[in-house]
Amino acid sequence: YQKSFEGTLRIQGTMITSDVLNPQTDYFDIATIIFTNSTDTVTYYNFTGVYQNVRFSWGNTSGNTGRIDKILYRH
């Protein structure tokens, strides 16, 4: 769910099973989604794979004050 968001959403995963993760090196990109329209819409993205942990990160386009309001993840 996005609220006037323009920018990039990254879906990342890891195969590390340890509780001690190094976020800089243990995660890899599963997908990168670029949002170019500043709207309030629901966008979905399907991906498959076997991952121990999944995380999401985003960055706004310069000057954009929109946000990612909510991410629903079903595994």
PDB file of N, CA and C in Angstrom:
ATOM      1  N   TYR A   1       0.856  -1.172   0.000  1.00  0.00           N
ATOM      2  CA  TYR A   1       0.000   0.000   0.000  1.00  0.00           C
ATOM      3  C   TYR A   1       0.898   1.230   0.000  1.00  0.00           C
ATOM      4  N   GLN A   2       0.720   2.089  -0.973  1.00  0.00           N
ATOM      5  CA  GLN A   2       1.560   3.278  -1.063  1.00  0.00           C
ATOM      6  C   GLN A   2       0.707   4.537  -0.932  1.00  0.00           C
ATOM      7  N   LYS A   3       1.307   5.521  -0.335  1.00  0.00           N
ATOM      8  CA  LYS A   3       0.660   6.831  -0.163  1.00  0.00           C
ATOM      9  C   LYS A   3       1.524   7.869  -0.859  1.00  0.00           C
ATOM     10  N   SER A   4       1.165   8.193  -2.093  1.00  0.00           N
ATOM     11  CA  SER A   4       1.901   9.174  -2.902  1.00  0.00           C
ATOM     12  C   SER A   4       3.390   8.866  -2.968  1.00  0.00           C
ATOM     13  N   PHE A   5       3.750   7.599  -3.041  1.00  0.00           N
ATOM     14  CA  PHE A   5       5.148   7.174  -3.029  1.00  0.00           C
ATOM     15  C   PHE A   5       5.705   7.099  -4.436  1.00  0.00           C
ATOM     16  N   GLU A   6       6.864   7.691  -4.617  1.00  0.00           N
ATOM     17  CA  GLU A   6       7.675   7.527  -5.821  1.00  0.00           C
ATOM     18  C   GLU A   6       9.059   7.129  -5.363  1.00  0.00           C
ATOM     19  N   GLY A   7       9.552   6.016  -5.868  1.00  0.00           N
ATOM     20  CA  GLY A   7      10.863   5.553  -5.466  1.00  0.00           C
ATOM     21  C   GLY A   7      11.047   4.085  -5.775  1.00  0.00           C
ATOM     22  N   THR A   8      11.920   3.441  -5.010  1.00  0.00           N
ATOM     23  CA  THR A   8      12.292   2.058  -5.249  1.00  0.00           C
ATOM     24  C   THR A   8      12.012   1.211  -4.020  1.00  0.00           C
ATOM     25  N   LEU A   9      11.396   0.060  -4.228  1.00  0.00           N
ATOM     26  CA  LEU A   9      11.175  -0.931  -3.182  1.00  0.00           C
ATOM     27  C   LEU A   9      12.032  -2.146  -3.500  1.00  0.00           C
ATOM     28  N   ARG A  10      12.828  -2.587  -2.539  1.00  0.00           N
ATOM     29  CA  ARG A  10      13.685  -3.753  -2.713  1.00  0.00           C
ATOM     30  C   ARG A  10      13.204  -4.871  -1.812  1.00  0.00           C
ATOM     31  N   ILE A  11      13.056  -6.051  -2.396  1.00  0.00           N
ATOM     32  CA  ILE A  11      12.748  -7.265  -1.639  1.00  0.00           C
ATOM     33  C   ILE A  11      14.045  -8.049  -1.559  1.00  0.00           C
ATOM     34  N   GLN A  12      14.451  -8.390  -0.338  1.00  0.00           N
ATOM     35  CA  GLN A  12      15.719  -9.073  -0.142  1.00  0.00           C
ATOM     36  C   GLN A  12      15.508 -10.337   0.688  1.00  0.00           C
ATOM     37  N   GLY A  13      16.359 -11.328   0.460  1.00  0.00           N
ATOM     38  CA  GLY A  13      16.277 -12.577   1.202  1.00  0.00           C
ATOM     39  C   GLY A  13      17.649 -13.046   1.618  1.00  0.00           C
ATOM     40  N   THR A  14      17.674 -14.029   2.511  1.00  0.00           N
ATOM     41  CA  THR A  14      18.920 -14.635   2.951  1.00  0.00           C
ATOM     42  C   THR A  14      18.693 -16.120   3.194  1.00  0.00           C
ATOM     43  N   MET A  15      19.757 -16.878   3.075  1.00  0.00           N
ATOM     44  CA  MET A  15      19.709 -18.302   3.378  1.00  0.00           C
ATOM     45  C   MET A  15      20.403 -18.610   4.701  1.00  0.00           C
ATOM     46  N   ILE A  16      20.909 -17.594   5.381  1.00  0.00           N
ATOM     47  CA  ILE A  16      21.595 -17.760   6.660  1.00  0.00           C
ATOM     48  C   ILE A  16      20.570 -18.145   7.719  1.00  0.00           C
ATOM     49  N   THR A  17      20.829 -19.213   8.453  1.00  0.00           N
ATOM     50  CA  THR A  17      19.892 -19.664   9.482  1.00  0.00           C
ATOM     51  C   THR A  17      20.272 -19.179  10.878  1.00  0.00           C
ATOM     52  N   SER A  18      21.441 -18.591  11.012  1.00  0.00           N
ATOM     53  CA  SER A  18      21.914 -18.129  12.316  1.00  0.00           C
ATOM     54  C   SER A  18      21.117 -16.917  12.786  1.00  0.00           C
ATOM     55  N   ASP A  19      21.043 -16.739  14.104  1.00  0.00           N
ATOM     56  CA  ASP A  19      20.406 -15.551  14.666  1.00  0.00           C
ATOM     57  C   ASP A  19      21.261 -14.303  14.477  1.00  0.00           C
ATOM     58  N   VAL A  20      22.549 -14.495  14.217  1.00  0.00           N
ATOM     59  CA  VAL A  20      23.460 -13.363  14.036  1.00  0.00           C
ATOM     60  C   VAL A  20      23.659 -13.154  12.541  1.00  0.00           C
ATOM     61  N   LEU A  21      22.998 -12.141  12.020  1.00  0.00           N
ATOM     62  CA  LEU A  21      23.100 -11.824  10.602  1.00  0.00           C
ATOM     63  C   LEU A  21      23.898 -10.551  10.400  1.00  0.00           C
ATOM     64  N   ASN A  22      24.646 -10.501   9.327  1.00  0.00           N
ATOM     65  CA  ASN A  22      25.299  -9.267   8.909  1.00  0.00           C
ATOM     66  C   ASN A  22      24.457  -8.689   7.774  1.00  0.00           C
ATOM     67  N   PRO A  23      23.642  -7.681   8.062  1.00  0.00           N
ATOM     68  CA  PRO A  23      22.712  -7.169   7.050  1.00  0.00           C
ATOM     69  C   PRO A  23      23.389  -6.668   5.776  1.00  0.00           C
ATOM     70  N   GLN A  24      24.633  -6.268   5.865  1.00  0.00           N
ATOM     71  CA  GLN A  24      25.308  -5.715   4.693  1.00  0.00           C
ATOM     72  C   GLN A  24      25.727  -6.793   3.705  1.00  0.00           C
ATOM     73  N   THR A  25      25.998  -8.018   4.179  1.00  0.00           N
ATOM     74  CA  THR A  25      26.538  -9.047   3.290  1.00  0.00           C
ATOM     75  C   THR A  25      25.690 -10.303   3.182  1.00  0.00           C
ATOM     76  N   ASP A  26      24.817 -10.557   4.131  1.00  0.00           N
ATOM     77  CA  ASP A  26      24.078 -11.820   4.134  1.00  0.00           C
ATOM     78  C   ASP A  26      22.800 -11.789   3.304  1.00  0.00           C
ATOM     79  N   TYR A  27      22.292 -10.618   2.973  1.00  0.00           N
ATOM     80  CA  TYR A  27      21.069 -10.498   2.186  1.00  0.00           C
ATOM     81  C   TYR A  27      21.392 -10.250   0.720  1.00  0.00           C
ATOM     82  N   PHE A  28      20.553 -10.752  -0.156  1.00  0.00           N
ATOM     83  CA  PHE A  28      20.681 -10.521  -1.592  1.00  0.00           C
ATOM     84  C   PHE A  28      19.327 -10.058  -2.128  1.00  0.00           C
ATOM     85  N   ASP A  29      19.354  -9.358  -3.261  1.00  0.00           N
ATOM     86  CA  ASP A  29      18.126  -8.834  -3.851  1.00  0.00           C
ATOM     87  C   ASP A  29      17.334  -9.949  -4.526  1.00  0.00           C
ATOM     88  N   ILE A  30      16.065 -10.040  -4.187  1.00  0.00           N
ATOM     89  CA  ILE A  30      15.135 -10.929  -4.870  1.00  0.00           C
ATOM     90  C   ILE A  30      14.483 -10.162  -6.011  1.00  0.00           C
ATOM     91  N   ALA A  31      14.079  -8.926  -5.738  1.00  0.00           N
ATOM     92  CA  ALA A  31      13.433  -8.092  -6.756  1.00  0.00           C
ATOM     93  C   ALA A  31      13.602  -6.626  -6.395  1.00  0.00           C
ATOM     94  N   THR A  32      13.602  -5.777  -7.403  1.00  0.00           N
ATOM     95  CA  THR A  32      13.603  -4.328  -7.239  1.00  0.00           C
ATOM     96  C   THR A  32      12.426  -3.786  -8.041  1.00  0.00           C
ATOM     97  N   ILE A  33      11.541  -3.057  -7.365  1.00  0.00           N
ATOM     98  CA  ILE A  33      10.337  -2.523  -7.991  1.00  0.00           C
ATOM     99  C   ILE A  33      10.436  -1.004  -7.962  1.00  0.00           C
ATOM    100  N   ILE A  34      10.257  -0.369  -9.105  1.00  0.00           N
ATOM    101  CA  ILE A  34      10.363   1.083  -9.212  1.00  0.00           C
ATOM    102  C   ILE A  34       8.965   1.664  -9.407  1.00  0.00           C
ATOM    103  N   PHE A  35       8.598   2.588  -8.529  1.00  0.00           N
ATOM    104  CA  PHE A  35       7.319   3.279  -8.612  1.00  0.00           C
ATOM    105  C   PHE A  35       7.558   4.675  -9.168  1.00  0.00           C
ATOM    106  N   THR A  36       6.902   5.004 -10.277  1.00  0.00           N
ATOM    107  CA  THR A  36       7.107   6.308 -10.913  1.00  0.00           C
ATOM    108  C   THR A  36       5.890   7.212 -10.823  1.00  0.00           C
ATOM    109  N   ASN A  37       4.739   6.674 -10.464  1.00  0.00           N
ATOM    110  CA  ASN A  37       3.522   7.480 -10.353  1.00  0.00           C
ATOM    111  C   ASN A  37       3.192   7.711  -8.891  1.00  0.00           C
ATOM    112  N   SER A  38       3.015   8.931  -8.520  1.00  0.00           N
ATOM    113  CA  SER A  38       2.720   9.296  -7.140  1.00  0.00           C
ATOM    114  C   SER A  38       1.218   9.145  -6.888  1.00  0.00           C
ATOM    115  N   THR A  39       0.784   7.917  -6.601  1.00  0.00           N
ATOM    116  CA  THR A  39      -0.635   7.656  -6.393  1.00  0.00           C
ATOM    117  C   THR A  39      -0.835   6.879  -5.095  1.00  0.00           C
ATOM    118  N   ASP A  40      -2.081   6.752  -4.697  1.00  0.00           N
ATOM    119  CA  ASP A  40      -2.443   5.950  -3.527  1.00  0.00           C
ATOM    120  C   ASP A  40      -3.064   4.653  -4.022  1.00  0.00           C
ATOM    121  N   THR A  41      -2.233   3.691  -4.341  1.00  0.00           N
ATOM    122  CA  THR A  41      -2.719   2.442  -4.905  1.00  0.00           C
ATOM    123  C   THR A  41      -2.168   1.248  -4.143  1.00  0.00           C
ATOM    124  N   VAL A  42      -2.775   0.113  -4.415  1.00  0.00           N
ATOM    125  CA  VAL A  42      -2.274  -1.158  -3.901  1.00  0.00           C
ATOM    126  C   VAL A  42      -1.567  -1.849  -5.058  1.00  0.00           C
ATOM    127  N   THR A  43      -0.324  -2.223  -4.837  1.00  0.00           N
ATOM    128  CA  THR A  43       0.465  -2.906  -5.856  1.00  0.00           C
ATOM    129  C   THR A  43       0.882  -4.256  -5.305  1.00  0.00           C
ATOM    130  N   TYR A  44       0.807  -5.294  -6.126  1.00  0.00           N
ATOM    131  CA  TYR A  44       1.235  -6.605  -5.658  1.00  0.00           C
ATOM    132  C   TYR A  44       2.412  -7.090  -6.491  1.00  0.00           C
ATOM    133  N   TYR A  45       3.202  -7.968  -5.873  1.00  0.00           N
ATOM    134  CA  TYR A  45       4.333  -8.568  -6.561  1.00  0.00           C
ATOM    135  C   TYR A  45       4.497  -9.987  -6.027  1.00  0.00           C
ATOM    136  N   ASN A  46       4.512 -10.956  -6.913  1.00  0.00           N
ATOM    137  CA  ASN A  46       4.694 -12.351  -6.511  1.00  0.00           C
ATOM    138  C   ASN A  46       6.138 -12.765  -6.749  1.00  0.00           C
ATOM    139  N   PHE A  47       6.689 -13.518  -5.801  1.00  0.00           N
ATOM    140  CA  PHE A  47       8.003 -14.110  -5.999  1.00  0.00           C
ATOM    141  C   PHE A  47       8.020 -15.466  -5.307  1.00  0.00           C
ATOM    142  N   THR A  48       8.859 -16.345  -5.785  1.00  0.00           N
ATOM    143  CA  THR A  48       8.968 -17.677  -5.194  1.00  0.00           C
ATOM    144  C   THR A  48      10.417 -17.960  -4.852  1.00  0.00           C
ATOM    145  N   GLY A  49      10.617 -18.843  -3.922  1.00  0.00           N
ATOM    146  CA  GLY A  49      11.953 -19.233  -3.507  1.00  0.00           C
ATOM    147  C   GLY A  49      11.920 -19.755  -2.092  1.00  0.00           C
ATOM    148  N   VAL A  50      13.041 -20.293  -1.670  1.00  0.00           N
ATOM    149  CA  VAL A  50      13.184 -20.784  -0.305  1.00  0.00           C
ATOM    150  C   VAL A  50      14.182 -19.868   0.394  1.00  0.00           C
ATOM    151  N   TYR A  51      13.701 -19.127   1.389  1.00  0.00           N
ATOM    152  CA  TYR A  51      14.534 -18.162   2.101  1.00  0.00           C
ATOM    153  C   TYR A  51      14.344 -18.357   3.600  1.00  0.00           C
ATOM    154  N   GLN A  52      15.393 -18.170   4.360  1.00  0.00           N
ATOM    155  CA  GLN A  52      15.287 -18.231   5.814  1.00  0.00           C
ATOM    156  C   GLN A  52      14.669 -16.956   6.367  1.00  0.00           C
ATOM    157  N   ASN A  53      15.025 -15.817   5.781  1.00  0.00           N
ATOM    158  CA  ASN A  53      14.501 -14.518   6.194  1.00  0.00           C
ATOM    159  C   ASN A  53      14.270 -13.662   4.959  1.00  0.00           C
ATOM    160  N   VAL A  54      13.251 -12.819   5.029  1.00  0.00           N
ATOM    161  CA  VAL A  54      12.941 -11.873   3.959  1.00  0.00           C
ATOM    162  C   VAL A  54      12.796 -10.500   4.589  1.00  0.00           C
ATOM    163  N   ARG A  55      13.296  -9.479   3.905  1.00  0.00           N
ATOM    164  CA  ARG A  55      13.126  -8.105   4.387  1.00  0.00           C
ATOM    165  C   ARG A  55      12.810  -7.198   3.211  1.00  0.00           C
ATOM    166  N   PHE A  56      12.298  -6.018   3.535  1.00  0.00           N
ATOM    167  CA  PHE A  56      11.904  -5.035   2.539  1.00  0.00           C
ATOM    168  C   PHE A  56      12.586  -3.711   2.879  1.00  0.00           C
ATOM    169  N   SER A  57      13.079  -3.013   1.868  1.00  0.00           N
ATOM    170  CA  SER A  57      13.647  -1.685   2.085  1.00  0.00           C
ATOM    171  C   SER A  57      13.207  -0.791   0.932  1.00  0.00           C
ATOM    172  N   TRP A  58      13.147   0.515   1.188  1.00  0.00           N
ATOM    173  CA  TRP A  58      12.696   1.441   0.159  1.00  0.00           C
ATOM    174  C   TRP A  58      13.424   2.764   0.284  1.00  0.00           C
ATOM    175  N   GLY A  59      13.430   3.468  -0.816  1.00  0.00           N
ATOM    176  CA  GLY A  59      14.021   4.796  -0.858  1.00  0.00           C
ATOM    177  C   GLY A  59      13.183   5.691  -1.742  1.00  0.00           C
ATOM    178  N   ASN A  60      12.885   6.863  -1.263  1.00  0.00           N
ATOM    179  CA  ASN A  60      12.088   7.826  -2.024  1.00  0.00           C
ATOM    180  C   ASN A  60      12.916   8.478  -3.122  1.00  0.00           C
ATOM    181  N   THR A  61      12.256   8.828  -4.207  1.00  0.00           N
ATOM    182  CA  THR A  61      12.865   9.652  -5.233  1.00  0.00           C
ATOM    183  C   THR A  61      13.133  11.030  -4.619  1.00  0.00           C
ATOM    184  N   SER A  62      14.186  11.678  -5.059  1.00  0.00           N
ATOM    185  CA  SER A  62      14.550  12.978  -4.512  1.00  0.00           C
ATOM    186  C   SER A  62      13.367  13.945  -4.556  1.00  0.00           C
ATOM    187  N   GLY A  63      13.052  14.528  -3.425  1.00  0.00           N
ATOM    188  CA  GLY A  63      11.964  15.497  -3.332  1.00  0.00           C
ATOM    189  C   GLY A  63      10.598  14.892  -3.072  1.00  0.00           C
ATOM    190  N   ASN A  64      10.469  13.591  -3.118  1.00  0.00           N
ATOM    191  CA  ASN A  64       9.179  12.939  -2.886  1.00  0.00           C
ATOM    192  C   ASN A  64       8.991  12.702  -1.403  1.00  0.00           C
ATOM    193  N   THR A  65       7.825  13.057  -0.878  1.00  0.00           N
ATOM    194  CA  THR A  65       7.550  12.882   0.549  1.00  0.00           C
ATOM    195  C   THR A  65       6.548  11.759   0.796  1.00  0.00           C
ATOM    196  N   GLY A  66       6.224  10.986  -0.240  1.00  0.00           N
ATOM    197  CA  GLY A  66       5.307   9.868  -0.082  1.00  0.00           C
ATOM    198  C   GLY A  66       5.923   8.762   0.759  1.00  0.00           C
ATOM    199  N   ARG A  67       5.123   7.733   1.005  1.00  0.00           N
ATOM    200  CA  ARG A  67       5.630   6.649   1.855  1.00  0.00           C
ATOM    201  C   ARG A  67       4.976   5.329   1.464  1.00  0.00           C
ATOM    202  N   ILE A  68       5.613   4.270   1.895  1.00  0.00           N
ATOM    203  CA  ILE A  68       5.009   2.942   1.854  1.00  0.00           C
ATOM    204  C   ILE A  68       4.230   2.825   3.148  1.00  0.00           C
ATOM    205  N   ASP A  69       2.927   2.728   3.061  1.00  0.00           N
ATOM    206  CA  ASP A  69       2.078   2.694   4.237  1.00  0.00           C
ATOM    207  C   ASP A  69       2.046   1.326   4.898  1.00  0.00           C
ATOM    208  N   LYS A  70       2.039   0.286   4.084  1.00  0.00           N
ATOM    209  CA  LYS A  70       1.906  -1.060   4.644  1.00  0.00           C
ATOM    210  C   LYS A  70       2.406  -2.071   3.618  1.00  0.00           C
ATOM    211  N   ILE A  71       3.047  -3.139   4.111  1.00  0.00           N
ATOM    212  CA  ILE A  71       3.449  -4.268   3.283  1.00  0.00           C
ATOM    213  C   ILE A  71       2.856  -5.524   3.883  1.00  0.00           C
ATOM    214  N   LEU A  72       2.114  -6.258   3.080  1.00  0.00           N
ATOM    215  CA  LEU A  72       1.558  -7.525   3.514  1.00  0.00           C
ATOM    216  C   LEU A  72       2.387  -8.631   2.874  1.00  0.00           C
ATOM    217  N   TYR A  73       2.898  -9.534   3.700  1.00  0.00           N
ATOM    218  CA  TYR A  73       3.766 -10.610   3.226  1.00  0.00           C
ATOM    219  C   TYR A  73       3.159 -11.936   3.664  1.00  0.00           C
ATOM    220  N   ARG A  74       2.896 -12.771   2.713  1.00  0.00           N
ATOM    221  CA  ARG A  74       2.320 -14.089   3.012  1.00  0.00           C
ATOM    222  C   ARG A  74       3.287 -15.152   2.543  1.00  0.00           C
ATOM    223  N   HIS A  75       3.638 -16.053   3.431  1.00  0.00           N
ATOM    224  CA  HIS A  75       4.565 -17.123   3.041  1.00  0.00           C
ATOM    225  C   HIS A  75       3.947 -18.468   3.213  1.00  0.00           C
TER     226      HIS A  75
END
